[in-house]
Amino acid sequence: MNADCYALMAEFGDPAALIAAVSECRKRHRDVDAYTPYAVDGLPEALGFTRNRVPLITLIAGVLGGAGIYALQWYSAVVDYPINSGGRPLNSWPVFIPPTFEMTVLAAAIAAFLGMLFLNGLPRLNHPVFNVDEFDLASRNRFFLCVRSSDPEFDLDRTRDFLRGLQPLRIIEVPA
């Protein structure tokens, strides 16, 4: 790992070139990122993303939220403060369904949002790639491939030569 270099970035003009470069780069390097101005079909697969944990987090939070509010209602209506209202049983479960549904949806939505933020490493107010002047094009019309120096196969000169072979518009060194 090079102490004064965070990564090497290659800039591409179109998404097809980026996907081809990422696929080629993943054969050699492990710590690879891609930055695009919009979602590109096939890029997550090319980067090696195979699983998404946000749906699981959402399901678990929804079930826990629904079960928790149902248990709270049951405890308050049956155990803590039982009131016989109109001769109905104390455990009148149809009355508990609307709040249970609402809490399930609320807990699932909050967990999906927070899980997405956490799994994406956000909020991150500063990142080394923000120090590259050309990186602002990643939000407009350019596509970037980034090979981090933490990669075991990273050597500044060899990696630069490898990226040059992918025919990018330019190669940029990202300072640490």
Foldseek 3Di string as FASTA:
>chain_A
DDQFFFWKKFKAQDDVLVLVLLLVVVVPWLQKDKFAQDDDPPNCVSNPDDDDCLVVQLQVQLVCQLVVQLVVQLCVQPPVPDDCDPNDDSPPPVVSPPVSNVRSVVRSVVRSVVVVQVVVVPDDPDDQVVPDPVCVCRNPGMMMMIGTPVIPSDDPVVVLVVSVVSPGPDMDTGTD
